[in-house]
Amino acid sequence: MQSPTPEIPAEAWFKSSYSGANTSECVEAAVTPGVAAVRDSKNPLGPVISIDASAWGDFLAALRRGLLG
């Protein structure tokens, strides 16, 4: 299957570990050297949220340290 975002290869997408096996709330993510992206796994040709990879890393680090929410 071709990726709807050419800068992100189809094989880069993976299902989030927080997405349950039998639930309808599934998220896929992809990380490339310059971009991190998130999409709805039920609609892989739909909208994609793309974020600068370093900003995504900073966001995840803040979540892990409990600085958000």
N, C-alpha and C. Protein backbone atom coordinates (compact mmCIF):
# COMPACT_ATOMS: atom_id res chain seq x y z
N MET A 1 0.84 -1.19 0.00
CA MET A 1 0.00 0.00 0.00
C MET A 1 0.88 1.24 0.00
N GLN A 2 0.56 2.17 -0.83
CA GLN A 2 1.31 3.43 -0.92
C GLN A 2 0.94 4.34 0.25
N SER A 3 1.94 5.01 0.80
CA SER A 3 1.69 5.97 1.87
C SER A 3 1.05 7.22 1.28
N PRO A 4 -0.01 7.77 1.94
CA PRO A 4 -0.61 9.00 1.43
C PRO A 4 0.30 10.20 1.59
N THR A 5 1.32 10.08 2.40
CA THR A 5 2.30 11.16 2.55
C THR A 5 3.62 10.64 1.99
N PRO A 6 4.00 11.07 0.79
CA PRO A 6 5.17 10.50 0.10
C PRO A 6 6.46 10.56 0.92
N GLU A 7 6.59 11.54 1.79
CA GLU A 7 7.82 11.65 2.58
C GLU A 7 7.88 10.60 3.69
N ILE A 8 6.78 9.90 3.92
CA ILE A 8 6.75 8.85 4.93
C ILE A 8 6.45 7.52 4.24
N PRO A 9 7.43 6.62 4.17
CA PRO A 9 7.19 5.34 3.51
C PRO A 9 6.13 4.51 4.24
N ALA A 10 5.37 3.75 3.50
CA ALA A 10 4.30 2.93 4.08
C ALA A 10 4.83 2.02 5.19
N GLU A 11 6.03 1.49 5.02
CA GLU A 11 6.58 0.56 6.01
C GLU A 11 7.01 1.25 7.32
N ALA A 12 7.03 2.58 7.34
CA ALA A 12 7.41 3.31 8.55
C ALA A 12 6.27 3.37 9.57
N TRP A 13 5.02 3.16 9.12
CA TRP A 13 3.87 3.27 10.01
C TRP A 13 3.76 2.05 10.92
N PHE A 14 3.46 2.30 12.19
CA PHE A 14 3.23 1.21 13.15
C PHE A 14 2.07 1.58 14.06
N LYS A 15 1.39 0.57 14.58
CA LYS A 15 0.25 0.80 15.46
C LYS A 15 0.76 1.13 16.87
N SER A 16 0.17 2.13 17.47
CA SER A 16 0.55 2.53 18.82
C SER A 16 0.34 1.40 19.80
N SER A 17 1.25 1.26 20.75
CA SER A 17 1.10 0.23 21.78
C SER A 17 -0.06 0.56 22.71
N TYR A 18 -0.55 1.78 22.68
CA TYR A 18 -1.70 2.17 23.50
C TYR A 18 -3.03 1.89 22.80
N SER A 19 -2.98 1.47 21.55
CA SER A 19 -4.20 1.12 20.83
C SER A 19 -4.54 -0.32 21.17
N GLY A 20 -5.74 -0.53 21.64
CA GLY A 20 -6.16 -1.87 22.01
C GLY A 20 -6.43 -2.74 20.79
N ALA A 21 -6.34 -4.05 20.96
CA ALA A 21 -6.54 -4.99 19.87
C ALA A 21 -7.99 -5.02 19.40
N ASN A 22 -8.93 -4.88 20.31
CA ASN A 22 -10.35 -4.99 19.96
C ASN A 22 -11.10 -3.69 20.18
N THR A 23 -10.48 -2.59 19.90
CA THR A 23 -11.11 -1.30 20.10
C THR A 23 -11.13 -0.52 18.80
N SER A 24 -11.99 0.46 18.71
CA SER A 24 -12.06 1.25 17.49
C SER A 24 -11.18 2.49 17.56
N GLU A 25 -10.53 2.73 18.68
CA GLU A 25 -9.66 3.90 18.83
C GLU A 25 -8.21 3.47 18.58
N CYS A 26 -7.84 3.38 17.33
CA CYS A 26 -6.49 2.94 16.97
C CYS A 26 -5.72 4.07 16.31
N VAL A 27 -4.50 4.23 16.74
CA VAL A 27 -3.63 5.27 16.21
C VAL A 27 -2.39 4.61 15.65
N GLU A 28 -1.94 5.11 14.51
CA GLU A 28 -0.68 4.68 13.93
C GLU A 28 0.28 5.86 13.96
N ALA A 29 1.55 5.54 14.10
CA ALA A 29 2.57 6.57 14.12
C ALA A 29 3.69 6.17 13.17
N ALA A 30 4.44 7.15 12.74
CA ALA A 30 5.62 6.92 11.91
C ALA A 30 6.65 7.96 12.30
N VAL A 31 7.89 7.53 12.35
CA VAL A 31 8.98 8.46 12.67
C VAL A 31 10.05 8.29 11.60
N THR A 32 10.40 9.38 10.97
CA THR A 32 11.48 9.40 9.99
C THR A 32 12.53 10.38 10.52
N PRO A 33 13.67 10.50 9.88
CA PRO A 33 14.69 11.40 10.42
C PRO A 33 14.21 12.84 10.67
N GLY A 34 13.26 13.35 9.89
CA GLY A 34 12.85 14.73 10.09
C GLY A 34 11.42 14.93 10.56
N VAL A 35 10.59 13.89 10.48
CA VAL A 35 9.17 14.06 10.73
C VAL A 35 8.63 12.91 11.58
N ALA A 36 7.78 13.25 12.53
CA ALA A 36 6.97 12.27 13.25
C ALA A 36 5.53 12.53 12.82
N ALA A 37 4.77 11.47 12.61
CA ALA A 37 3.41 11.64 12.12
C ALA A 37 2.46 10.70 12.85
N VAL A 38 1.20 11.09 12.92
CA VAL A 38 0.16 10.30 13.57
C VAL A 38 -1.05 10.30 12.64
N ARG A 39 -1.73 9.14 12.58
CA ARG A 39 -2.95 9.03 11.77
C ARG A 39 -3.88 8.00 12.39
N ASP A 40 -5.12 8.03 11.96
CA ASP A 40 -6.13 7.07 12.39
C ASP A 40 -5.91 5.79 11.59
N SER A 41 -5.70 4.67 12.28
CA SER A 41 -5.42 3.42 11.58
C SER A 41 -6.61 2.93 10.77
N LYS A 42 -7.81 3.35 11.12
CA LYS A 42 -9.00 2.95 10.37
C LYS A 42 -9.13 3.73 9.07
N ASN A 43 -8.39 4.82 8.94
CA ASN A 43 -8.47 5.68 7.76
C ASN A 43 -7.05 6.08 7.32
N PRO A 44 -6.24 5.12 6.88
CA PRO A 44 -4.85 5.43 6.56
C PRO A 44 -4.66 6.41 5.41
N LEU A 45 -5.68 6.60 4.59
CA LEU A 45 -5.57 7.58 3.51
C LEU A 45 -6.13 8.93 3.92
N GLY A 46 -6.59 9.04 5.16
CA GLY A 46 -7.16 10.29 5.67
C GLY A 46 -6.09 11.24 6.16
N PRO A 47 -6.48 12.20 6.98
CA PRO A 47 -5.55 13.23 7.45
C PRO A 47 -4.40 12.65 8.28
N VAL A 48 -3.28 13.30 8.18
CA VAL A 48 -2.08 12.95 8.94
C VAL A 48 -1.61 14.19 9.68
N ILE A 49 -1.30 14.03 10.94
CA ILE A 49 -0.70 15.12 11.71
C ILE A 49 0.80 14.90 11.67
N SER A 50 1.53 15.84 11.08
CA SER A 50 2.99 15.76 10.99
C SER A 50 3.62 16.77 11.92
N ILE A 51 4.66 16.33 12.62
CA ILE A 51 5.32 17.15 13.63
C ILE A 51 6.83 17.03 13.41
N ASP A 52 7.53 18.11 13.59
CA ASP A 52 8.99 18.05 13.54
C ASP A 52 9.47 16.96 14.50
N ALA A 53 10.35 16.07 14.04
CA ALA A 53 10.78 14.93 14.85
C ALA A 53 11.41 15.34 16.18
N SER A 54 12.18 16.41 16.21
CA SER A 54 12.79 16.82 17.48
C SER A 54 11.73 17.36 18.45
N ALA A 55 10.72 18.06 17.94
CA ALA A 55 9.64 18.54 18.79
C ALA A 55 8.84 17.36 19.35
N TRP A 56 8.62 16.33 18.53
CA TRP A 56 7.92 15.13 18.99
C TRP A 56 8.72 14.46 20.11
N GLY A 57 10.02 14.37 19.94
CA GLY A 57 10.87 13.79 20.99
C GLY A 57 10.78 14.57 22.28
N ASP A 58 10.78 15.90 22.19
CA ASP A 58 10.64 16.74 23.38
C ASP A 58 9.29 16.51 24.06
N PHE A 59 8.23 16.40 23.25
CA PHE A 59 6.89 16.14 23.78
C PHE A 59 6.85 14.80 24.53
N LEU A 60 7.38 13.75 23.91
CA LEU A 60 7.38 12.44 24.56
C LEU A 60 8.20 12.45 25.85
N ALA A 61 9.33 13.13 25.84
CA ALA A 61 10.16 13.22 27.04
C ALA A 61 9.40 13.93 28.17
N ALA A 62 8.68 14.99 27.83
CA ALA A 62 7.90 15.70 28.85
C ALA A 62 6.78 14.82 29.39
N LEU A 63 6.14 14.03 28.53
CA LEU A 63 5.11 13.10 29.00
C LEU A 63 5.69 12.07 29.96
N ARG A 64 6.84 11.52 29.60
CA ARG A 64 7.46 10.49 30.44
C ARG A 64 7.89 11.04 31.80
N ARG A 65 8.26 12.31 31.84
CA ARG A 65 8.66 12.92 33.11
C ARG A 65 7.46 13.43 33.91
N GLY A 66 6.26 13.29 33.35
CA GLY A 66 5.06 13.71 34.05
C GLY A 66 4.86 15.21 34.08
N LEU A 67 5.44 15.90 33.12
CA LEU A 67 5.34 17.36 33.09
C LEU A 67 4.07 17.88 32.42
N LEU A 68 3.34 16.98 31.76
CA LEU A 68 2.12 17.37 31.06
C LEU A 68 0.93 16.64 31.66
N GLY A 69 -0.17 17.35 31.78
CA GLY A 69 -1.43 16.74 32.22
C GLY A 69 -1.43 16.40 33.62
